[in-house]
Structure formats: structure tokens, C-alpha cells
Amino acid sequence: MNTTTFKRAALVTAALLALGAGGAYLYLDTTSDVRRTGTETCADVIPADANRADGEAICATIDALTAAWARGDADAYGGLFTENATYTTYIGSHYEGRSDITEGHRALFKDFVKGTALAATFLDLRFLGTDAAVLTGRGDDYTGAKPGPAELSKVQTYTLVRDTDGTWRIAAFHNTQRRNVMERFSFLYSPATAPKAER
């Protein structure tokens, strides 16, 4: 085989591999639906055996968080966290304390997320005794049309506590970007890795 023929064969092989990889990625991306998208109303996930007033107070905290974000109000946003709260973003930034969260969001509201709103759905609310709870859901920030529940790209966990003044505040927040292609690949390769709600 001469050099020109070899180069052509290598180029065709590389093109076919790229086309196959692109097709596989497209297949994984288009078949990676989320089955459990959650409910758009926080109150829907308050457990039947929980103190309803506490559940509604927790939901009110999340509603206030969403409203503060939409206004770009860093002080109101930060005020919904405990003094020693932690906040981990989907890109891995980790804020420690209300002041750090507030000042970080003051900068974000002036730049990266200026003019955005929050969309959320709720998956579960669990009380850990009478003064702590964990709320999980899906969410995203957006401009323009509000994304539908299946379009939300992040999974979020809020740990809330009844603060010293009796107000429910966020003690820890963790935001994880969903990697739909990797998730779909892992579910196809090893079906037992899929959460029960996604089988």
C-alpha cells in the first residue's frame, strides 16, 4: 500500500469513527429522558405525617429564595441561609457562610446570572426530627420561556433547619449538573445503576 492510499484509508476510517461516535452520542442524548420530573408545587411533597405548618414554612423559604433571585437581591437571597451555611454550585464553587453566599451572589446577579429567574420542581421533603429537613428537587436558571420539568438540568439538595429565631433557613445547598449522556450510558451498560424511579 502506498503512502497516499494509506492516508486516504486512515482518513476514511477516522471519519467513520467520528460519524459513529457522533451517532452514538446523539442516540444517548435523545433517549435520556427523566421519568421522575417532580412536582412544580413544593407543598405537594410535604409528607402526610409531617407538621403541615413546618412544611409550608420550608416551602415559603424556597419561594422567597426564588423571588430574591428574580429581583437580583443578594441581601434577601443570603438572608435565607443560616449564618454558617454552605453552598456548592454545579461548577464546584463552594461558599462558606451567609456573608460569602451573599457576596458571591451579589457578583453573580451583576454578571453571569443577571436578569435570570429560577425554575424548580420538587421530588421529596424529609424531616430529620422537628428542627431539620432535607428537600430535593430539580432546577435551573433561565431567561425567556420557562423550561418545562423535563428540561431542568440540575438536581438540587437543600438542608434546612429551624434557626434560633424559629425561622426555617437553608443550612446547606448542593447543586449537581445532570450529565444526561453519561447517565444514559451507565444505565444501558449497567441497568442496576438506574434509580428505581428511572427504571
C-alpha atoms as a PDB file:
ATOM      1  CA  MET A   1       0.000   0.000   0.000  1.00  0.00           C
ATOM      2  CA  ASN A   2       1.478   3.338  -0.994  1.00  0.00           C
ATOM      3  CA  THR A   3       1.526   6.381   1.291  1.00  0.00           C
ATOM      4  CA  THR A   4      -1.352   8.177  -0.464  1.00  0.00           C
ATOM      5  CA  THR A   5      -3.626   5.130  -0.246  1.00  0.00           C
ATOM      6  CA  PHE A   6      -2.721   4.638   3.417  1.00  0.00           C
ATOM      7  CA  LYS A   7      -3.502   8.286   4.218  1.00  0.00           C
ATOM      8  CA  ARG A   8      -6.855   8.042   2.430  1.00  0.00           C
ATOM      9  CA  ALA A   9      -7.738   4.826   4.272  1.00  0.00           C
ATOM     10  CA  ALA A  10      -6.771   6.386   7.592  1.00  0.00           C
ATOM     11  CA  LEU A  11      -8.859   9.491   6.820  1.00  0.00           C
ATOM     12  CA  VAL A  12     -11.917   7.408   5.844  1.00  0.00           C
ATOM     13  CA  THR A  13     -11.505   5.273   8.981  1.00  0.00           C
ATOM     14  CA  ALA A  14     -11.253   8.384  11.178  1.00  0.00           C
ATOM     15  CA  ALA A  15     -14.325   9.906   9.509  1.00  0.00           C
ATOM     16  CA  LEU A  16     -16.338   6.705  10.019  1.00  0.00           C
ATOM     17  CA  LEU A  17     -15.282   6.502  13.661  1.00  0.00           C
ATOM     18  CA  ALA A  18     -16.226  10.162  14.208  1.00  0.00           C
ATOM     19  CA  LEU A  19     -19.577   9.622  12.496  1.00  0.00           C
ATOM     20  CA  GLY A  20     -20.232   6.528  14.627  1.00  0.00           C
ATOM     21  CA  ALA A  21     -19.271   8.353  17.827  1.00  0.00           C
ATOM     22  CA  GLY A  22     -21.479  11.300  16.881  1.00  0.00           C
ATOM     23  CA  GLY A  23     -24.389   8.979  16.158  1.00  0.00           C
ATOM     24  CA  ALA A  24     -23.902   7.158  19.457  1.00  0.00           C
ATOM     25  CA  TYR A  25     -23.789  10.456  21.348  1.00  0.00           C
ATOM     26  CA  LEU A  26     -26.943  11.664  19.589  1.00  0.00           C
ATOM     27  CA  TYR A  27     -28.730   8.395  20.417  1.00  0.00           C
ATOM     28  CA  LEU A  28     -27.735   8.584  24.087  1.00  0.00           C
ATOM     29  CA  ASP A  29     -28.713  12.252  24.295  1.00  0.00           C
ATOM     30  CA  THR A  30     -32.143  11.813  22.706  1.00  0.00           C
ATOM     31  CA  THR A  31     -33.042   8.725  24.748  1.00  0.00           C
ATOM     32  CA  SER A  32     -32.026  10.066  28.161  1.00  0.00           C
ATOM     33  CA  ASP A  33     -35.414  11.168  29.420  1.00  0.00           C
ATOM     34  CA  VAL A  34     -36.053  11.727  33.112  1.00  0.00           C
ATOM     35  CA  ARG A  35     -39.111   9.801  34.240  1.00  0.00           C
ATOM     36  CA  ARG A  36     -39.455  11.363  37.675  1.00  0.00           C
ATOM     37  CA  THR A  37     -39.501  15.081  36.972  1.00  0.00           C
ATOM     38  CA  GLY A  38     -41.121  16.115  40.251  1.00  0.00           C
ATOM     39  CA  THR A  39     -43.977  18.471  41.003  1.00  0.00           C
ATOM     40  CA  GLU A  40     -43.904  22.229  40.462  1.00  0.00           C
ATOM     41  CA  THR A  41     -45.609  22.843  43.812  1.00  0.00           C
ATOM     42  CA  CYS A  42     -43.420  22.429  46.887  1.00  0.00           C
ATOM     43  CA  ALA A  43     -46.427  21.809  49.145  1.00  0.00           C
ATOM     44  CA  ASP A  44     -47.169  18.629  47.152  1.00  0.00           C
ATOM     45  CA  VAL A  45     -44.119  16.919  48.709  1.00  0.00           C
ATOM     46  CA  ILE A  46     -44.905  17.725  52.339  1.00  0.00           C
ATOM     47  CA  PRO A  47     -45.239  14.290  53.995  1.00  0.00           C
ATOM     48  CA  ALA A  48     -48.714  13.432  55.240  1.00  0.00           C
ATOM     49  CA  ASP A  49     -47.377  12.647  58.716  1.00  0.00           C
ATOM     50  CA  ALA A  50     -45.328  15.873  58.987  1.00  0.00           C
ATOM     51  CA  ASN A  51     -46.229  19.106  60.733  1.00  0.00           C
ATOM     52  CA  ARG A  52     -48.000  20.900  57.881  1.00  0.00           C
ATOM     53  CA  ALA A  53     -47.075  24.373  59.165  1.00  0.00           C
ATOM     54  CA  ASP A  54     -43.369  23.473  59.161  1.00  0.00           C
ATOM     55  CA  GLY A  55     -43.637  22.068  55.638  1.00  0.00           C
ATOM     56  CA  GLU A  56     -45.349  25.227  54.428  1.00  0.00           C
ATOM     57  CA  ALA A  57     -42.709  27.376  56.151  1.00  0.00           C
ATOM     58  CA  ILE A  58     -39.974  25.442  54.339  1.00  0.00           C
ATOM     59  CA  CYS A  59     -41.779  25.931  51.027  1.00  0.00           C
ATOM     60  CA  ALA A  60     -42.128  29.647  51.816  1.00  0.00           C
ATOM     61  CA  THR A  61     -38.341  29.830  52.307  1.00  0.00           C
ATOM     62  CA  ILE A  62     -37.801  28.315  48.858  1.00  0.00           C
ATOM     63  CA  ASP A  63     -40.415  30.666  47.338  1.00  0.00           C
ATOM     64  CA  ALA A  64     -38.617  33.625  48.918  1.00  0.00           C
ATOM     65  CA  LEU A  65     -35.304  32.332  47.548  1.00  0.00           C
ATOM     66  CA  THR A  66     -36.770  32.172  44.034  1.00  0.00           C
ATOM     67  CA  ALA A  67     -38.240  35.675  44.358  1.00  0.00           C
ATOM     68  CA  ALA A  68     -34.951  37.141  45.651  1.00  0.00           C
ATOM     69  CA  TRP A  69     -33.084  35.572  42.726  1.00  0.00           C
ATOM     70  CA  ALA A  70     -35.572  37.032  40.208  1.00  0.00           C
ATOM     71  CA  ARG A  71     -35.066  40.503  41.738  1.00  0.00           C
ATOM     72  CA  GLY A  72     -31.291  40.058  41.839  1.00  0.00           C
ATOM     73  CA  ASP A  73     -31.448  40.850  45.560  1.00  0.00           C
ATOM     74  CA  ALA A  74     -28.300  39.331  47.070  1.00  0.00           C
ATOM     75  CA  ASP A  75     -29.078  40.508  50.611  1.00  0.00           C
ATOM     76  CA  ALA A  76     -32.531  38.920  50.642  1.00  0.00           C
ATOM     77  CA  TYR A  77     -31.123  35.803  48.987  1.00  0.00           C
ATOM     78  CA  GLY A  78     -28.304  35.446  51.516  1.00  0.00           C
ATOM     79  CA  GLY A  79     -30.673  36.145  54.411  1.00  0.00           C
ATOM     80  CA  LEU A  80     -32.441  32.856  53.707  1.00  0.00           C
ATOM     81  CA  PHE A  81     -29.305  30.924  54.720  1.00  0.00           C
ATOM     82  CA  THR A  82     -28.017  30.258  58.214  1.00  0.00           C
ATOM     83  CA  GLU A  83     -25.007  32.221  59.416  1.00  0.00           C
ATOM     84  CA  ASN A  84     -22.725  29.195  58.869  1.00  0.00           C
ATOM     85  CA  ALA A  85     -24.432  27.760  55.759  1.00  0.00           C
ATOM     86  CA  THR A  86     -22.560  26.079  52.919  1.00  0.00           C
ATOM     87  CA  TYR A  87     -23.434  26.453  49.245  1.00  0.00           C
ATOM     88  CA  THR A  88     -21.946  24.284  46.489  1.00  0.00           C
ATOM     89  CA  THR A  89     -22.647  25.209  42.870  1.00  0.00           C
ATOM     90  CA  TYR A  90     -22.851  22.833  39.931  1.00  0.00           C
ATOM     91  CA  ILE A  91     -19.431  24.001  38.744  1.00  0.00           C
ATOM     92  CA  GLY A  92     -17.940  23.153  42.128  1.00  0.00           C
ATOM     93  CA  SER A  93     -17.671  26.610  43.731  1.00  0.00           C
ATOM     94  CA  HIS A  94     -18.085  26.161  47.492  1.00  0.00           C
ATOM     95  CA  TYR A  95     -19.222  29.121  49.592  1.00  0.00           C
ATOM     96  CA  GLU A  96     -18.973  29.038  53.372  1.00  0.00           C
ATOM     97  CA  GLY A  97     -21.186  31.250  55.499  1.00  0.00           C
ATOM     98  CA  ARG A  98     -24.034  33.661  54.826  1.00  0.00           C
ATOM     99  CA  SER A  99     -21.683  36.548  54.029  1.00  0.00           C
ATOM    100  CA  ASP A 100     -19.761  34.506  51.448  1.00  0.00           C
ATOM    101  CA  ILE A 101     -23.019  33.316  49.847  1.00  0.00           C
ATOM    102  CA  THR A 102     -24.424  36.858  49.785  1.00  0.00           C
ATOM    103  CA  GLU A 103     -21.325  38.488  48.292  1.00  0.00           C
ATOM    104  CA  GLY A 104     -20.844  35.707  45.755  1.00  0.00           C
ATOM    105  CA  HIS A 105     -24.420  36.143  44.585  1.00  0.00           C
ATOM    106  CA  ARG A 106     -24.110  39.928  44.563  1.00  0.00           C
ATOM    107  CA  ALA A 107     -21.397  39.473  41.927  1.00  0.00           C
ATOM    108  CA  LEU A 108     -23.356  36.769  40.076  1.00  0.00           C
ATOM    109  CA  PHE A 109     -26.513  38.917  39.916  1.00  0.00           C
ATOM    110  CA  LYS A 110     -24.456  41.724  38.336  1.00  0.00           C
ATOM    111  CA  ASP A 111     -22.884  39.461  35.727  1.00  0.00           C
ATOM    112  CA  PHE A 112     -23.337  35.767  34.945  1.00  0.00           C
ATOM    113  CA  VAL A 113     -26.968  35.321  36.054  1.00  0.00           C
ATOM    114  CA  LYS A 114     -28.168  38.926  35.661  1.00  0.00           C
ATOM    115  CA  GLY A 115     -31.805  39.009  34.558  1.00  0.00           C
ATOM    116  CA  THR A 116     -32.418  35.296  35.064  1.00  0.00           C
ATOM    117  CA  ALA A 117     -35.150  33.540  37.011  1.00  0.00           C
ATOM    118  CA  LEU A 118     -35.271  30.137  38.688  1.00  0.00           C
ATOM    119  CA  ALA A 119     -37.391  27.182  37.646  1.00  0.00           C
ATOM    120  CA  ALA A 120     -37.829  24.244  40.009  1.00  0.00           C
ATOM    121  CA  THR A 121     -39.670  21.046  40.627  1.00  0.00           C
ATOM    122  CA  PHE A 122     -39.721  19.149  43.894  1.00  0.00           C
ATOM    123  CA  LEU A 123     -39.064  15.456  44.418  1.00  0.00           C
ATOM    124  CA  ASP A 124     -39.069  14.856  48.144  1.00  0.00           C
ATOM    125  CA  LEU A 125     -39.188  16.521  51.552  1.00  0.00           C
ATOM    126  CA  ARG A 126     -37.989  14.552  54.578  1.00  0.00           C
ATOM    127  CA  PHE A 127     -37.950  15.765  58.151  1.00  0.00           C
ATOM    128  CA  LEU A 128     -34.978  14.754  60.291  1.00  0.00           C
ATOM    129  CA  GLY A 129     -36.609  15.338  63.655  1.00  0.00           C
ATOM    130  CA  THR A 130     -38.531  18.521  64.413  1.00  0.00           C
ATOM    131  CA  ASP A 131     -35.872  21.099  63.512  1.00  0.00           C
ATOM    132  CA  ALA A 132     -34.185  19.803  60.336  1.00  0.00           C
ATOM    133  CA  ALA A 133     -35.347  18.731  56.894  1.00  0.00           C
ATOM    134  CA  VAL A 134     -33.951  17.761  53.501  1.00  0.00           C
ATOM    135  CA  LEU A 135     -35.675  18.968  50.333  1.00  0.00           C
ATOM    136  CA  THR A 136     -34.628  17.545  46.963  1.00  0.00           C
ATOM    137  CA  GLY A 137     -35.666  18.675  43.535  1.00  0.00           C
ATOM    138  CA  ARG A 138     -34.664  19.637  40.036  1.00  0.00           C
ATOM    139  CA  GLY A 139     -33.945  23.163  38.914  1.00  0.00           C
ATOM    140  CA  ASP A 140     -32.318  25.626  36.561  1.00  0.00           C
ATOM    141  CA  ASP A 141     -31.897  29.314  35.974  1.00  0.00           C
ATOM    142  CA  TYR A 142     -33.297  30.681  32.728  1.00  0.00           C
ATOM    143  CA  THR A 143     -34.123  33.702  30.628  1.00  0.00           C
ATOM    144  CA  GLY A 144     -37.034  33.835  28.209  1.00  0.00           C
ATOM    145  CA  ALA A 145     -39.533  30.996  28.299  1.00  0.00           C
ATOM    146  CA  LYS A 146     -39.627  28.964  31.496  1.00  0.00           C
ATOM    147  CA  PRO A 147     -38.245  25.453  30.911  1.00  0.00           C
ATOM    148  CA  GLY A 148     -40.559  22.503  31.416  1.00  0.00           C
ATOM    149  CA  PRO A 149     -39.974  19.979  34.218  1.00  0.00           C
ATOM    150  CA  ALA A 150     -38.192  17.504  31.914  1.00  0.00           C
ATOM    151  CA  GLU A 151     -35.787  20.240  30.746  1.00  0.00           C
ATOM    152  CA  LEU A 152     -34.362  21.108  34.168  1.00  0.00           C
ATOM    153  CA  SER A 153     -30.682  20.207  34.069  1.00  0.00           C
ATOM    154  CA  LYS A 154     -29.701  20.233  37.744  1.00  0.00           C
ATOM    155  CA  VAL A 155     -30.518  18.115  40.779  1.00  0.00           C
ATOM    156  CA  GLN A 156     -30.602  20.133  43.994  1.00  0.00           C
ATOM    157  CA  THR A 157     -30.484  19.294  47.677  1.00  0.00           C
ATOM    158  CA  TYR A 158     -31.430  21.776  50.401  1.00  0.00           C
ATOM    159  CA  THR A 159     -30.790  21.002  54.046  1.00  0.00           C
ATOM    160  CA  LEU A 160     -32.969  23.307  56.129  1.00  0.00           C
ATOM    161  CA  VAL A 161     -33.012  23.931  59.856  1.00  0.00           C
ATOM    162  CA  ARG A 162     -35.202  25.843  62.247  1.00  0.00           C
ATOM    163  CA  ASP A 163     -32.875  28.727  63.104  1.00  0.00           C
ATOM    164  CA  THR A 164     -32.523  30.302  66.556  1.00  0.00           C
ATOM    165  CA  ASP A 165     -35.313  32.805  65.753  1.00  0.00           C
ATOM    166  CA  GLY A 166     -37.692  29.984  64.741  1.00  0.00           C
ATOM    167  CA  THR A 167     -37.371  30.710  61.002  1.00  0.00           C
ATOM    168  CA  TRP A 168     -36.609  27.860  58.604  1.00  0.00           C
ATOM    169  CA  ARG A 169     -33.343  28.675  56.818  1.00  0.00           C
ATOM    170  CA  ILE A 170     -31.055  26.797  54.466  1.00  0.00           C
ATOM    171  CA  ALA A 171     -28.021  25.323  56.241  1.00  0.00           C
ATOM    172  CA  ALA A 172     -26.569  23.604  53.162  1.00  0.00           C
ATOM    173  CA  PHE A 173     -27.281  23.667  49.445  1.00  0.00           C
ATOM    174  CA  HIS A 174     -25.798  21.378  46.820  1.00  0.00           C
ATOM    175  CA  ASN A 175     -26.410  21.745  43.084  1.00  0.00           C
ATOM    176  CA  THR A 176     -25.407  18.966  40.679  1.00  0.00           C
ATOM    177  CA  GLN A 177     -25.438  19.277  36.889  1.00  0.00           C
ATOM    178  CA  ARG A 178     -27.117  16.261  35.300  1.00  0.00           C
ATOM    179  CA  ARG A 179     -24.890  14.642  32.680  1.00  0.00           C
ATOM    180  CA  ASN A 180     -27.637  13.030  30.645  1.00  0.00           C
ATOM    181  CA  VAL A 181     -25.413  11.213  28.131  1.00  0.00           C
ATOM    182  CA  MET A 182     -23.201   9.686  30.827  1.00  0.00           C
ATOM    183  CA  GLU A 183     -26.273   8.794  32.868  1.00  0.00           C
ATOM    184  CA  ARG A 184     -27.938   7.085  29.897  1.00  0.00           C
ATOM    185  CA  PHE A 185     -24.726   5.237  29.028  1.00  0.00           C
ATOM    186  CA  SER A 186     -24.347   3.937  32.580  1.00  0.00           C
ATOM    187  CA  PHE A 187     -27.991   2.810  32.691  1.00  0.00           C
ATOM    188  CA  LEU A 188     -27.591   0.935  29.385  1.00  0.00           C
ATOM    189  CA  TYR A 189     -24.234  -0.583  30.339  1.00  0.00           C
ATOM    190  CA  SER A 190     -25.274  -1.499  33.870  1.00  0.00           C
ATOM    191  CA  PRO A 191     -29.093  -1.288  34.245  1.00  0.00           C
ATOM    192  CA  ALA A 192     -28.915  -1.909  38.000  1.00  0.00           C
ATOM    193  CA  THR A 193     -27.284   1.518  38.447  1.00  0.00           C
ATOM    194  CA  ALA A 194     -30.529   3.264  37.485  1.00  0.00           C
ATOM    195  CA  PRO A 195     -32.525   4.622  40.417  1.00  0.00           C
ATOM    196  CA  LYS A 196     -35.833   2.801  40.907  1.00  0.00           C
ATOM    197  CA  ALA A 197     -37.799   5.839  39.692  1.00  0.00           C
ATOM    198  CA  GLU A 198     -35.851   5.821  36.402  1.00  0.00           C
ATOM    199  CA  ARG A 199     -36.223   2.112  35.530  1.00  0.00           C
END
